[in-house]
Amino acid sequence: FLHRYAELHHKTISGMSEAAQNAMLNYRWPGNVRQLENRIH
């Protein structure tokens, strides 16, 4: 989703910080992939 929406919005995003990745791995994501897509967008 990061690459998809970075390209859509013409933004140069190299990735996610380690803290952001750890937060994502520890989050429960009650809305599943749909919620993940929303948050990344």
Full PDB file with SEQRES, HELIX, SHEET, SSBOND, CRYST1, ORIGX, SCALE, CONECT and MASTER records, all heavy atoms in Angstrom:
SEQRES   1 A   41  PHE LEU HIS ARG TYR ALA GLU LEU HIS HIS LYS THR ILE          
SEQRES   2 A   41  SER GLY MET SER GLU ALA ALA GLN ASN ALA MET LEU ASN          
SEQRES   3 A   41  TYR ARG TRP PRO GLY ASN VAL ARG GLN LEU GLU ASN ARG          
SEQRES   4 A   41  ILE HIS                                                      
HELIX    1 AA1 LEU A    2  LEU A    8  1                                   7    
HELIX    2 AA2 GLU A   18  ASN A   26  1                                   9    
HELIX    3 AA3 ASN A   32  ILE A   40  1                                   9    
CRYST1    1.000    1.000    1.000  90.00  90.00  90.00 P 1           1          
ORIGX1      1.000000  0.000000  0.000000        0.00000                         
ORIGX2      0.000000  1.000000  0.000000        0.00000                         
ORIGX3      0.000000  0.000000  1.000000        0.00000                         
SCALE1      1.000000  0.000000  0.000000        0.00000                         
SCALE2      0.000000  1.000000  0.000000        0.00000                         
SCALE3      0.000000  0.000000  1.000000        0.00000                         
ATOM      1  N   PHE A   1       0.828  -1.208   0.000  1.00  0.00           N  
ATOM      2  CA  PHE A   1       0.000   0.000   0.000  1.00  0.00           C  
ATOM      3  C   PHE A   1       0.867   1.266   0.000  1.00  0.00           C  
ATOM      4  O   PHE A   1       0.497   2.276  -0.604  1.00  0.00           O  
ATOM      5  CB  PHE A   1      -0.927   0.000   1.213  1.00  0.00           C  
ATOM      6  CG  PHE A   1      -2.042  -1.011   1.134  1.00  0.00           C  
ATOM      7  CD1 PHE A   1      -2.338  -1.846   2.209  1.00  0.00           C  
ATOM      8  CD2 PHE A   1      -2.805  -1.126  -0.016  1.00  0.00           C  
ATOM      9  CE1 PHE A   1      -3.362  -2.768   2.135  1.00  0.00           C  
ATOM     10  CE2 PHE A   1      -3.841  -2.052  -0.108  1.00  0.00           C  
ATOM     11  CZ  PHE A   1      -4.110  -2.878   0.973  1.00  0.00           C  
ATOM     12  N   LEU A   2       2.004   1.200   0.686  1.00  0.00           N  
ATOM     13  CA  LEU A   2       2.895   2.359   0.734  1.00  0.00           C  
ATOM     14  C   LEU A   2       3.329   2.769  -0.674  1.00  0.00           C  
ATOM     15  O   LEU A   2       3.230   3.937  -1.058  1.00  0.00           O  
ATOM     16  CB  LEU A   2       4.116   2.029   1.610  1.00  0.00           C  
ATOM     17  CG  LEU A   2       5.108   3.157   1.906  1.00  0.00           C  
ATOM     18  CD1 LEU A   2       5.816   2.898   3.229  1.00  0.00           C  
ATOM     19  CD2 LEU A   2       6.171   3.271   0.803  1.00  0.00           C  
ATOM     20  N   HIS A   3       3.819   1.819  -1.447  1.00  0.00           N  
ATOM     21  CA  HIS A   3       4.280   2.126  -2.806  1.00  0.00           C  
ATOM     22  C   HIS A   3       3.108   2.550  -3.700  1.00  0.00           C  
ATOM     23  O   HIS A   3       3.245   3.458  -4.532  1.00  0.00           O  
ATOM     24  CB  HIS A   3       4.998   0.919  -3.396  1.00  0.00           C  
ATOM     25  CG  HIS A   3       6.291   0.611  -2.711  1.00  0.00           C  
ATOM     26  ND1 HIS A   3       7.354   1.483  -2.700  1.00  0.00           N  
ATOM     27  CD2 HIS A   3       6.692  -0.477  -1.997  1.00  0.00           C  
ATOM     28  CE1 HIS A   3       8.361   0.952  -2.014  1.00  0.00           C  
ATOM     29  NE2 HIS A   3       7.977  -0.236  -1.576  1.00  0.00           N  
ATOM     30  N   ARG A   4       1.970   1.913  -3.498  1.00  0.00           N  
ATOM     31  CA  ARG A   4       0.800   2.224  -4.316  1.00  0.00           C  
ATOM     32  C   ARG A   4       0.350   3.666  -4.117  1.00  0.00           C  
ATOM     33  O   ARG A   4       0.128   4.410  -5.084  1.00  0.00           O  
ATOM     34  CB  ARG A   4      -0.325   1.254  -3.963  1.00  0.00           C  
ATOM     35  CG  ARG A   4      -1.652   1.532  -4.663  1.00  0.00           C  
ATOM     36  CD  ARG A   4      -2.680   0.506  -4.216  1.00  0.00           C  
ATOM     37  NE  ARG A   4      -4.005   0.769  -4.750  1.00  0.00           N  
ATOM     38  CZ  ARG A   4      -5.062   0.031  -4.471  1.00  0.00           C  
ATOM     39  NH1 ARG A   4      -4.931  -1.020  -3.669  1.00  0.00           N  
ATOM     40  NH2 ARG A   4      -6.239   0.315  -4.980  1.00  0.00           N  
ATOM     41  N   TYR A   5       0.230   4.088  -2.841  1.00  0.00           N  
ATOM     42  CA  TYR A   5      -0.301   5.422  -2.583  1.00  0.00           C  
ATOM     43  C   TYR A   5       0.767   6.506  -2.679  1.00  0.00           C  
ATOM     44  O   TYR A   5       0.434   7.670  -2.952  1.00  0.00           O  
ATOM     45  CB  TYR A   5      -1.008   5.441  -1.225  1.00  0.00           C  
ATOM     46  CG  TYR A   5      -2.313   4.681  -1.274  1.00  0.00           C  
ATOM     47  CD1 TYR A   5      -2.490   3.493  -0.564  1.00  0.00           C  
ATOM     48  CD2 TYR A   5      -3.359   5.133  -2.068  1.00  0.00           C  
ATOM     49  CE1 TYR A   5      -3.681   2.791  -0.629  1.00  0.00           C  
ATOM     50  CE2 TYR A   5      -4.560   4.439  -2.139  1.00  0.00           C  
ATOM     51  CZ  TYR A   5      -4.717   3.275  -1.420  1.00  0.00           C  
ATOM     52  OH  TYR A   5      -5.896   2.572  -1.503  1.00  0.00           O  
ATOM     53  N   ALA A   6       2.030   6.156  -2.461  1.00  0.00           N  
ATOM     54  CA  ALA A   6       3.100   7.131  -2.686  1.00  0.00           C  
ATOM     55  C   ALA A   6       3.145   7.508  -4.161  1.00  0.00           C  
ATOM     56  O   ALA A   6       3.301   8.690  -4.513  1.00  0.00           O  
ATOM     57  CB  ALA A   6       4.437   6.558  -2.230  1.00  0.00           C  
ATOM     58  N   GLU A   7       2.986   6.526  -5.019  1.00  0.00           N  
ATOM     59  CA  GLU A   7       2.970   6.800  -6.457  1.00  0.00           C  
ATOM     60  C   GLU A   7       1.724   7.605  -6.834  1.00  0.00           C  
ATOM     61  O   GLU A   7       1.805   8.553  -7.633  1.00  0.00           O  
ATOM     62  CB  GLU A   7       2.997   5.484  -7.237  1.00  0.00           C  
ATOM     63  CG  GLU A   7       3.009   5.653  -8.745  1.00  0.00           C  
ATOM     64  CD  GLU A   7       3.099   4.334  -9.489  1.00  0.00           C  
ATOM     65  OE1 GLU A   7       3.288   3.279  -8.835  1.00  0.00           O  
ATOM     66  OE2 GLU A   7       2.976   4.354 -10.724  1.00  0.00           O  
ATOM     67  N   LEU A   8       0.588   7.261  -6.241  1.00  0.00           N  
ATOM     68  CA  LEU A   8      -0.657   7.959  -6.550  1.00  0.00           C  
ATOM     69  C   LEU A   8      -0.567   9.441  -6.201  1.00  0.00           C  
ATOM     70  O   LEU A   8      -1.047  10.302  -6.948  1.00  0.00           O  
ATOM     71  CB  LEU A   8      -1.818   7.307  -5.787  1.00  0.00           C  
ATOM     72  CG  LEU A   8      -3.192   7.970  -5.940  1.00  0.00           C  
ATOM     73  CD1 LEU A   8      -3.707   7.824  -7.371  1.00  0.00           C  
ATOM     74  CD2 LEU A   8      -4.195   7.357  -4.948  1.00  0.00           C  
ATOM     75  N   HIS A   9       0.068   9.735  -5.055  1.00  0.00           N  
ATOM     76  CA  HIS A   9       0.135  11.115  -4.578  1.00  0.00           C  
ATOM     77  C   HIS A   9       1.470  11.790  -4.911  1.00  0.00           C  
ATOM     78  O   HIS A   9       1.749  12.877  -4.397  1.00  0.00           O  
ATOM     79  CB  HIS A   9      -0.126  11.158  -3.067  1.00  0.00           C  
ATOM     80  CG  HIS A   9      -1.514  10.745  -2.683  1.00  0.00           C  
ATOM     81  ND1 HIS A   9      -2.619  11.528  -2.916  1.00  0.00           N  
ATOM     82  CD2 HIS A   9      -1.973   9.591  -2.108  1.00  0.00           C  
ATOM     83  CE1 HIS A   9      -3.708  10.905  -2.479  1.00  0.00           C  
ATOM     84  NE2 HIS A   9      -3.340   9.724  -1.990  1.00  0.00           N  
ATOM     85  N   HIS A  10       2.286  11.133  -5.724  1.00  0.00           N  
ATOM     86  CA  HIS A  10       3.557  11.695  -6.184  1.00  0.00           C  
ATOM     87  C   HIS A  10       4.446  12.117  -5.013  1.00  0.00           C  
ATOM     88  O   HIS A  10       5.001  13.215  -4.981  1.00  0.00           O  
ATOM     89  CB  HIS A  10       3.312  12.890  -7.117  1.00  0.00           C  
ATOM     90  CG  HIS A  10       2.377  12.587  -8.253  1.00  0.00           C  
ATOM     91  ND1 HIS A  10       2.735  11.767  -9.298  1.00  0.00           N  
ATOM     92  CD2 HIS A  10       1.092  12.979  -8.484  1.00  0.00           C  
ATOM     93  CE1 HIS A  10       1.710  11.672 -10.141  1.00  0.00           C  
ATOM     94  NE2 HIS A  10       0.707  12.385  -9.670  1.00  0.00           N  
ATOM     95  N   LYS A  11       4.570  11.215  -4.029  1.00  0.00           N  
ATOM     96  CA  LYS A  11       5.403  11.497  -2.868  1.00  0.00           C  
ATOM     97  C   LYS A  11       6.566  10.508  -2.814  1.00  0.00           C  
ATOM     98  O   LYS A  11       6.421   9.339  -3.168  1.00  0.00           O  
ATOM     99  CB  LYS A  11       4.583  11.426  -1.575  1.00  0.00           C  
ATOM    100  CG  LYS A  11       3.471  12.467  -1.511  1.00  0.00           C  
ATOM    101  CD  LYS A  11       2.903  12.596  -0.116  1.00  0.00           C  
ATOM    102  CE  LYS A  11       3.876  13.268   0.844  1.00  0.00           C  
ATOM    103  NZ  LYS A  11       3.238  13.587   2.146  1.00  0.00           N  
ATOM    104  N   THR A  12       7.716  10.995  -2.372  1.00  0.00           N  
ATOM    105  CA  THR A  12       8.905  10.150  -2.245  1.00  0.00           C  
ATOM    106  C   THR A  12       8.985   9.639  -0.817  1.00  0.00           C  
ATOM    107  O   THR A  12       9.402  10.352   0.099  1.00  0.00           O  
ATOM    108  CB  THR A  12      10.178  10.941  -2.588  1.00  0.00           C  
ATOM    109  OG1 THR A  12      10.052  11.459  -3.911  1.00  0.00           O  
ATOM    110  CG2 THR A  12      11.399  10.040  -2.508  1.00  0.00           C  
ATOM    111  N   ILE A  13       8.543   8.421  -0.605  1.00  0.00           N  
ATOM    112  CA  ILE A  13       8.563   7.782   0.710  1.00  0.00           C  
ATOM    113  C   ILE A  13       9.432   6.534   0.600  1.00  0.00           C  
ATOM    114  O   ILE A  13       9.126   5.631  -0.193  1.00  0.00           O  
ATOM    115  CB  ILE A  13       7.153   7.395   1.190  1.00  0.00           C  
ATOM    116  CG1 ILE A  13       6.211   8.607   1.126  1.00  0.00           C  
ATOM    117  CG2 ILE A  13       7.196   6.808   2.588  1.00  0.00           C  
ATOM    118  CD1 ILE A  13       6.501   9.678   2.117  1.00  0.00           C  
ATOM    119  N   SER A  14      10.520   6.493   1.386  1.00  0.00           N  
ATOM    120  CA  SER A  14      11.460   5.375   1.267  1.00  0.00           C  
ATOM    121  C   SER A  14      11.025   4.148   2.054  1.00  0.00           C  
ATOM    122  O   SER A  14      11.487   3.033   1.803  1.00  0.00           O  
ATOM    123  CB  SER A  14      12.852   5.811   1.732  1.00  0.00           C  
ATOM    124  OG  SER A  14      12.815   6.235   3.092  1.00  0.00           O  
ATOM    125  N   GLY A  15      10.137   4.321   3.025  1.00  0.00           N  
ATOM    126  CA  GLY A  15       9.706   3.179   3.831  1.00  0.00           C  
ATOM    127  C   GLY A  15       9.149   3.635   5.163  1.00  0.00           C  
ATOM    128  O   GLY A  15       8.682   4.769   5.309  1.00  0.00           O  
ATOM    129  N   MET A  16       9.228   2.742   6.162  1.00  0.00           N  
ATOM    130  CA  MET A  16       8.712   3.027   7.495  1.00  0.00           C  
ATOM    131  C   MET A  16       9.827   2.911   8.516  1.00  0.00           C  
ATOM    132  O   MET A  16      10.712   2.053   8.389  1.00  0.00           O  
ATOM    133  CB  MET A  16       7.590   2.042   7.842  1.00  0.00           C  
ATOM    134  CG  MET A  16       6.379   2.133   6.931  1.00  0.00           C  
ATOM    135  SD  MET A  16       5.179   0.813   7.234  1.00  0.00           S  
ATOM    136  CE  MET A  16       6.045  -0.584   6.503  1.00  0.00           C  
ATOM    137  N   SER A  17       9.788   3.766   9.530  1.00  0.00           N  
ATOM    138  CA  SER A  17      10.793   3.689  10.591  1.00  0.00           C  
ATOM    139  C   SER A  17      10.628   2.383  11.360  1.00  0.00           C  
ATOM    140  O   SER A  17       9.581   1.731  11.306  1.00  0.00           O  
ATOM    141  CB  SER A  17      10.652   4.875  11.542  1.00  0.00           C  
ATOM    142  OG  SER A  17       9.452   4.768  12.291  1.00  0.00           O  
ATOM    143  N   GLU A  18      11.674   2.011  12.081  1.00  0.00           N  
ATOM    144  CA  GLU A  18      11.614   0.776  12.876  1.00  0.00           C  
ATOM    145  C   GLU A  18      10.517   0.861  13.921  1.00  0.00           C  
ATOM    146  O   GLU A  18       9.801  -0.111  14.170  1.00  0.00           O  
ATOM    147  CB  GLU A  18      12.970   0.520  13.544  1.00  0.00           C  
ATOM    148  CG  GLU A  18      13.024  -0.801  14.306  1.00  0.00           C  
ATOM    149  CD  GLU A  18      14.400  -1.098  14.868  1.00  0.00           C  
ATOM    150  OE1 GLU A  18      15.358  -0.387  14.520  1.00  0.00           O  
ATOM    151  OE2 GLU A  18      14.519  -2.048  15.667  1.00  0.00           O  
ATOM    152  N   ALA A  19      10.365   2.053  14.528  1.00  0.00           N  
ATOM    153  CA  ALA A  19       9.311   2.235  15.539  1.00  0.00           C  
ATOM    154  C   ALA A  19       7.935   2.063  14.923  1.00  0.00           C  
ATOM    155  O   ALA A  19       7.035   1.459  15.522  1.00  0.00           O  
ATOM    156  CB  ALA A  19       9.446   3.617  16.184  1.00  0.00           C  
ATOM    157  N   ALA A  20       7.742   2.576  13.710  1.00  0.00           N  
ATOM    158  CA  ALA A  20       6.450   2.436  13.024  1.00  0.00           C  
ATOM    159  C   ALA A  20       6.170   0.969  12.703  1.00  0.00           C  
ATOM    160  O   ALA A  20       5.042   0.492  12.868  1.00  0.00           O  
ATOM    161  CB  ALA A  20       6.446   3.266  11.750  1.00  0.00           C  
ATOM    162  N   GLN A  21       7.194   0.255  12.258  1.00  0.00           N  
ATOM    163  CA  GLN A  21       7.020  -1.167  11.952  1.00  0.00           C  
ATOM    164  C   GLN A  21       6.663  -1.956  13.211  1.00  0.00           C  
ATOM    165  O   GLN A  21       5.770  -2.814  13.178  1.00  0.00           O  
ATOM    166  CB  GLN A  21       8.303  -1.718  11.325  1.00  0.00           C  
ATOM    167  CG  GLN A  21       8.602  -1.154   9.950  1.00  0.00           C  
ATOM    168  CD  GLN A  21       9.848  -1.753   9.334  1.00  0.00           C  
ATOM    169  OE1 GLN A  21       9.948  -2.970   9.175  1.00  0.00           O  
ATOM    170  NE2 GLN A  21      10.815  -0.905   9.001  1.00  0.00           N  
ATOM    171  N   ASN A  22       7.343  -1.663  14.317  1.00  0.00           N  
ATOM    172  CA  ASN A  22       7.044  -2.373  15.569  1.00  0.00           C  
ATOM    173  C   ASN A  22       5.629  -2.068  16.047  1.00  0.00           C  
ATOM    174  O   ASN A  22       4.918  -2.959  16.532  1.00  0.00           O  
ATOM    175  CB  ASN A  22       8.058  -1.984  16.649  1.00  0.00           C  
ATOM    176  CG  ASN A  22       9.424  -2.587  16.403  1.00  0.00           C  
ATOM    177  OD1 ASN A  22       9.551  -3.623  15.753  1.00  0.00           O  
ATOM    178  ND2 ASN A  22      10.469  -1.948  16.906  1.00  0.00           N  
ATOM    179  N   ALA A  23       5.207  -0.798  15.893  1.00  0.00           N  
ATOM    180  CA  ALA A  23       3.851  -0.431  16.303  1.00  0.00           C  
ATOM    181  C   ALA A  23       2.821  -1.180  15.474  1.00  0.00           C  
ATOM    182  O   ALA A  23       1.800  -1.652  15.997  1.00  0.00           O  
ATOM    183  CB  ALA A  23       3.657   1.078  16.155  1.00  0.00           C  
ATOM    184  N   MET A  24       3.092  -1.335  14.190  1.00  0.00           N  
ATOM    185  CA  MET A  24       2.161  -2.048  13.312  1.00  0.00           C  
ATOM    186  C   MET A  24       2.085  -3.522  13.675  1.00  0.00           C  
ATOM    187  O   MET A  24       1.011  -4.125  13.639  1.00  0.00           O  
ATOM    188  CB  MET A  24       2.594  -1.879  11.857  1.00  0.00           C  
ATOM    189  CG  MET A  24       2.458  -0.450  11.355  1.00  0.00           C  
ATOM    190  SD  MET A  24       3.082  -0.257   9.689  1.00  0.00           S  
ATOM    191  CE  MET A  24       1.884  -1.220   8.801  1.00  0.00           C  
ATOM    192  N   LEU A  25       3.215  -4.103  14.029  1.00  0.00           N  
ATOM    193  CA  LEU A  25       3.236  -5.525  14.389  1.00  0.00           C  
ATOM    194  C   LEU A  25       2.530  -5.777  15.716  1.00  0.00           C  
ATOM    195  O   LEU A  25       1.981  -6.857  15.944  1.00  0.00           O  
ATOM    196  CB  LEU A  25       4.679  -6.030  14.463  1.00  0.00           C  
ATOM    197  CG  LEU A  25       5.412  -6.166  13.127  1.00  0.00           C  
ATOM    198  CD1 LEU A  25       6.898  -6.445  13.355  1.00  0.00           C  
ATOM    199  CD2 LEU A  25       4.804  -7.273  12.275  1.00  0.00           C  
ATOM    200  N   ASN A  26       2.547  -4.780  16.604  1.00  0.00           N  
ATOM    201  CA  ASN A  26       1.934  -4.954  17.919  1.00  0.00           C  
ATOM    202  C   ASN A  26       0.473  -4.534  17.964  1.00  0.00           C  
ATOM    203  O   ASN A  26      -0.228  -4.823  18.930  1.00  0.00           O  
ATOM    204  CB  ASN A  26       2.712  -4.136  18.966  1.00  0.00           C  
ATOM    205  CG  ASN A  26       4.076  -4.731  19.257  1.00  0.00           C  
ATOM    206  OD1 ASN A  26       4.216  -5.944  19.350  1.00  0.00           O  
ATOM    207  ND2 ASN A  26       5.090  -3.888  19.379  1.00  0.00           N  
ATOM    208  N   TYR A  27       0.008  -3.844  16.931  1.00  0.00           N  
ATOM    209  CA  TYR A  27      -1.376  -3.372  16.899  1.00  0.00           C  
ATOM    210  C   TYR A  27      -2.310  -4.525  16.526  1.00  0.00           C  
ATOM    211  O   TYR A  27      -1.932  -5.420  15.762  1.00  0.00           O  
ATOM    212  CB  TYR A  27      -1.495  -2.230  15.883  1.00  0.00           C  
ATOM    213  CG  TYR A  27      -2.816  -1.514  15.896  1.00  0.00           C  
ATOM    214  CD1 TYR A  27      -3.269  -0.857  17.030  1.00  0.00           C  
ATOM    215  CD2 TYR A  27      -3.619  -1.477  14.751  1.00  0.00           C  
ATOM    216  CE1 TYR A  27      -4.489  -0.177  17.036  1.00  0.00           C  
ATOM    217  CE2 TYR A  27      -4.830  -0.803  14.744  1.00  0.00           C  
ATOM    218  CZ  TYR A  27      -5.253  -0.159  15.888  1.00  0.00           C  
ATOM    219  OH  TYR A  27      -6.455   0.493  15.887  1.00  0.00           O  
ATOM    220  N   ARG A  28      -3.538  -4.506  17.025  1.00  0.00           N  
ATOM    221  CA  ARG A  28      -4.468  -5.625  16.829  1.00  0.00           C  
ATOM    222  C   ARG A  28      -5.225  -5.560  15.503  1.00  0.00           C  
ATOM    223  O   ARG A  28      -5.790  -6.544  15.054  1.00  0.00           O  
ATOM    224  CB  ARG A  28      -5.489  -5.654  17.978  1.00  0.00           C  
ATOM    225  CG  ARG A  28      -4.882  -5.935  19.330  1.00  0.00           C  
ATOM    226  CD  ARG A  28      -4.409  -7.357  19.446  1.00  0.00           C  
ATOM    227  NE  ARG A  28      -5.514  -8.304  19.458  1.00  0.00           N  
ATOM    228  CZ  ARG A  28      -5.373  -9.613  19.359  1.00  0.00           C  
ATOM    229  NH1 ARG A  28      -4.161 -10.138  19.192  1.00  0.00           N  
ATOM    230  NH2 ARG A  28      -6.416 -10.406  19.390  1.00  0.00           N  
ATOM    231  N   TRP A  29      -5.290  -4.402  14.863  1.00  0.00           N  
ATOM    232  CA  TRP A  29      -5.960  -4.223  13.578  1.00  0.00           C  
ATOM    233  C   TRP A  29      -7.389  -4.799  13.575  1.00  0.00           C  
ATOM    234  O   TRP A  29      -7.681  -5.751  12.849  1.00  0.00           O  
ATOM    235  CB  TRP A  29      -5.151  -4.843  12.438  1.00  0.00           C  
ATOM    236  CG  TRP A  29      -3.814  -4.201  12.268  1.00  0.00           C  
ATOM    237  CD1 TRP A  29      -2.596  -4.744  12.548  1.00  0.00           C  
ATOM    238  CD2 TRP A  29      -3.553  -2.879  11.793  1.00  0.00           C  
ATOM    239  NE1 TRP A  29      -1.590  -3.835  12.283  1.00  0.00           N  
ATOM    240  CE2 TRP A  29      -2.151  -2.674  11.817  1.00  0.00           C  
ATOM    241  CE3 TRP A  29      -4.379  -1.833  11.347  1.00  0.00           C  
ATOM    242  CZ2 TRP A  29      -1.554  -1.481  11.426  1.00  0.00           C  
ATOM    243  CZ3 TRP A  29      -3.790  -0.646  10.965  1.00  0.00           C  
ATOM    244  CH2 TRP A  29      -2.394  -0.475  10.999  1.00  0.00           C  
ATOM    245  N   PRO A  30      -8.291  -4.203  14.367  1.00  0.00           N  
ATOM    246  CA  PRO A  30      -9.672  -4.715  14.399  1.00  0.00           C  
ATOM    247  C   PRO A  30     -10.375  -4.626  13.053  1.00  0.00           C  
ATOM    248  O   PRO A  30     -11.301  -5.388  12.787  1.00  0.00           O  
ATOM    249  CB  PRO A  30     -10.346  -3.831  15.454  1.00  0.00           C  
ATOM    250  CG  PRO A  30      -9.499  -2.594  15.520  1.00  0.00           C  
ATOM    251  CD  PRO A  30      -8.108  -3.055  15.257  1.00  0.00           C  
ATOM    252  N   GLY A  31      -9.964  -3.665  12.206  1.00  0.00           N  
ATOM    253  CA  GLY A  31     -10.570  -3.536  10.880  1.00  0.00           C  
ATOM    254  C   GLY A  31      -9.826  -4.282   9.796  1.00  0.00           C  
ATOM    255  O   GLY A  31     -10.150  -4.147   8.609  1.00  0.00           O  
ATOM    256  N   ASN A  32      -8.794  -5.058  10.188  1.00  0.00           N  
ATOM    257  CA  ASN A  32      -8.040  -5.923   9.285  1.00  0.00           C  
ATOM    258  C   ASN A  32      -7.391  -5.154   8.128  1.00  0.00           C  
ATOM    259  O   ASN A  32      -6.982  -4.008   8.307  1.00  0.00           O  
ATOM    260  CB  ASN A  32      -8.931  -7.067   8.798  1.00  0.00           C  
ATOM    261  CG  ASN A  32      -9.249  -8.038   9.919  1.00  0.00           C  
ATOM    262  OD1 ASN A  32      -8.360  -8.706  10.426  1.00  0.00           O  
ATOM    263  ND2 ASN A  32     -10.506  -8.105  10.330  1.00  0.00           N  
ATOM    264  N   VAL A  33      -7.282  -5.780   6.961  1.00  0.00           N  
ATOM    265  CA  VAL A  33      -6.528  -5.190   5.849  1.00  0.00           C  
ATOM    266  C   VAL A  33      -7.158  -3.881   5.392  1.00  0.00           C  
ATOM    267  O   VAL A  33      -6.452  -2.947   4.997  1.00  0.00           O  
ATOM    268  CB  VAL A  33      -6.427  -6.190   4.675  1.00  0.00           C  
ATOM    269  CG1 VAL A  33      -5.661  -5.568   3.507  1.00  0.00           C  
ATOM    270  CG2 VAL A  33      -5.731  -7.463   5.125  1.00  0.00           C  
ATOM    271  N   ARG A  34      -8.479  -3.793   5.457  1.00  0.00           N  
ATOM    272  CA  ARG A  34      -9.149  -2.556   5.054  1.00  0.00           C  
ATOM    273  C   ARG A  34      -8.698  -1.390   5.924  1.00  0.00           C  
ATOM    274  O   ARG A  34      -8.452  -0.281   5.443  1.00  0.00           O  
ATOM    275  CB  ARG A  34     -10.665  -2.732   5.144  1.00  0.00           C  
ATOM    276  CG  ARG A  34     -11.442  -1.535   4.603  1.00  0.00           C  
ATOM    277  CD  ARG A  34     -12.934  -1.778   4.718  1.00  0.00           C  
ATOM    278  NE  ARG A  34     -13.334  -2.932   3.926  1.00  0.00           N  
ATOM    279  CZ  ARG A  34     -14.282  -3.797   4.270  1.00  0.00           C  
ATOM    280  NH1 ARG A  34     -14.915  -3.645   5.417  1.00  0.00           N  
ATOM    281  NH2 ARG A  34     -14.601  -4.804   3.494  1.00  0.00           N  
ATOM    282  N   GLN A  35      -8.581  -1.627   7.233  1.00  0.00           N  
ATOM    283  CA  GLN A  35      -8.117  -0.585   8.142  1.00  0.00           C  
ATOM    284  C   GLN A  35      -6.646  -0.258   7.886  1.00  0.00           C  
ATOM    285  O   GLN A  35      -6.253   0.916   7.888  1.00  0.00           O  
ATOM    286  CB  GLN A  35      -8.301  -1.026   9.594  1.00  0.00           C  
ATOM    287  CG  GLN A  35      -7.873   0.045  10.596  1.00  0.00           C  
ATOM    288  CD  GLN A  35      -7.876  -0.455  12.025  1.00  0.00           C  
ATOM    289  OE1 GLN A  35      -7.883  -1.665  12.286  1.00  0.00           O  
ATOM    290  NE2 GLN A  35      -7.857   0.468  12.972  1.00  0.00           N  
ATOM    291  N   LEU A  36      -5.838  -1.278   7.637  1.00  0.00           N  
ATOM    292  CA  LEU A  36      -4.416  -1.064   7.337  1.00  0.00           C  
ATOM    293  C   LEU A  36      -4.255  -0.195   6.095  1.00  0.00           C  
ATOM    294  O   LEU A  36      -3.446   0.748   6.080  1.00  0.00           O  
ATOM    295  CB  LEU A  36      -3.717  -2.408   7.133  1.00  0.00           C  
ATOM    296  CG  LEU A  36      -2.259  -2.365   6.656  1.00  0.00           C  
ATOM    297  CD1 LEU A  36      -1.371  -1.664   7.673  1.00  0.00           C  
ATOM    298  CD2 LEU A  36      -1.750  -3.786   6.384  1.00  0.00           C  
ATOM    299  N   GLU A  37      -5.017  -0.486   5.065  1.00  0.00           N  
ATOM    300  CA  GLU A  37      -4.941   0.315   3.844  1.00  0.00           C  
ATOM    301  C   GLU A  37      -5.310   1.766   4.138  1.00  0.00           C  
ATOM    302  O   GLU A  37      -4.647   2.699   3.657  1.00  0.00           O  
ATOM    303  CB  GLU A  37      -5.876  -0.253   2.775  1.00  0.00           C  
ATOM    304  CG  GLU A  37      -5.865   0.547   1.489  1.00  0.00           C  
ATOM    305  CD  GLU A  37      -6.768  -0.026   0.412  1.00  0.00           C  
ATOM    306  OE1 GLU A  37      -7.538  -0.962   0.710  1.00  0.00           O  
ATOM    307  OE2 GLU A  37      -6.695   0.461  -0.733  1.00  0.00           O  
ATOM    308  N   ASN A  38      -6.348   1.961   4.921  1.00  0.00           N  
ATOM    309  CA  ASN A  38      -6.791   3.307   5.269  1.00  0.00           C  
ATOM    310  C   ASN A  38      -5.692   4.076   6.003  1.00  0.00           C  
ATOM    311  O   ASN A  38      -5.423   5.247   5.686  1.00  0.00           O  
ATOM    312  CB  ASN A  38      -8.053   3.216   6.132  1.00  0.00           C  
ATOM    313  CG  ASN A  38      -8.566   4.561   6.592  1.00  0.00           C  
ATOM    314  OD1 ASN A  38      -8.018   5.155   7.517  1.00  0.00           O  
ATOM    315  ND2 ASN A  38      -9.618   5.040   5.968  1.00  0.00           N  
ATOM    316  N   ARG A  39      -5.042   3.428   6.979  1.00  0.00           N  
ATOM    317  CA  ARG A  39      -4.015   4.101   7.779  1.00  0.00           C  
ATOM    318  C   ARG A  39      -2.768   4.405   6.950  1.00  0.00           C  
ATOM    319  O   ARG A  39      -2.161   5.465   7.116  1.00  0.00           O  
ATOM    320  CB  ARG A  39      -3.658   3.247   8.991  1.00  0.00           C  
ATOM    321  CG  ARG A  39      -4.798   3.066   9.987  1.00  0.00           C  
ATOM    322  CD  ARG A  39      -5.327   4.418  10.491  1.00  0.00           C  
ATOM    323  NE  ARG A  39      -6.565   4.282  11.232  1.00  0.00           N  
ATOM    324  CZ  ARG A  39      -6.630   4.098  12.548  1.00  0.00           C  
ATOM    325  NH1 ARG A  39      -5.525   4.006  13.252  1.00  0.00           N  
ATOM    326  NH2 ARG A  39      -7.797   4.003  13.146  1.00  0.00           N  
ATOM    327  N   ILE A  40      -2.372   3.486   6.076  1.00  0.00           N  
ATOM    328  CA  ILE A  40      -1.202   3.734   5.229  1.00  0.00           C  
ATOM    329  C   ILE A  40      -1.488   4.857   4.236  1.00  0.00           C  
ATOM    330  O   ILE A  40      -0.650   5.744   4.012  1.00  0.00           O  
ATOM    331  CB  ILE A  40      -0.775   2.452   4.489  1.00  0.00           C  
ATOM    332  CG1 ILE A  40      -0.256   1.404   5.481  1.00  0.00           C  
ATOM    333  CG2 ILE A  40       0.299   2.766   3.448  1.00  0.00           C  
ATOM    334  CD1 ILE A  40       1.028   1.790   6.187  1.00  0.00           C  
ATOM    335  N   HIS A  41      -2.669   4.845   3.656  1.00  0.00           N  
ATOM    336  CA  HIS A  41      -3.050   5.900   2.703  1.00  0.00           C  
ATOM    337  C   HIS A  41      -3.013   7.265   3.389  1.00  0.00           C  
ATOM    338  O   HIS A  41      -2.446   8.233   2.856  1.00  0.00           O  
ATOM    339  CB  HIS A  41      -4.453   5.609   2.162  1.00  0.00           C  
ATOM    340  CG  HIS A  41      -4.836   6.469   1.008  1.00  0.00           C  
ATOM    341  ND1 HIS A  41      -6.037   6.335   0.342  1.00  0.00           N  
ATOM    342  CD2 HIS A  41      -4.203   7.513   0.397  1.00  0.00           C  
ATOM    343  CE1 HIS A  41      -6.104   7.219  -0.631  1.00  0.00           C  
ATOM    344  NE2 HIS A  41      -5.011   7.959  -0.616  1.00  0.00           N  
TER     345      HIS A  41                                                      
MASTER        0    0    0    3    0    0    0    6  344    1    0    4          
END                                                                             
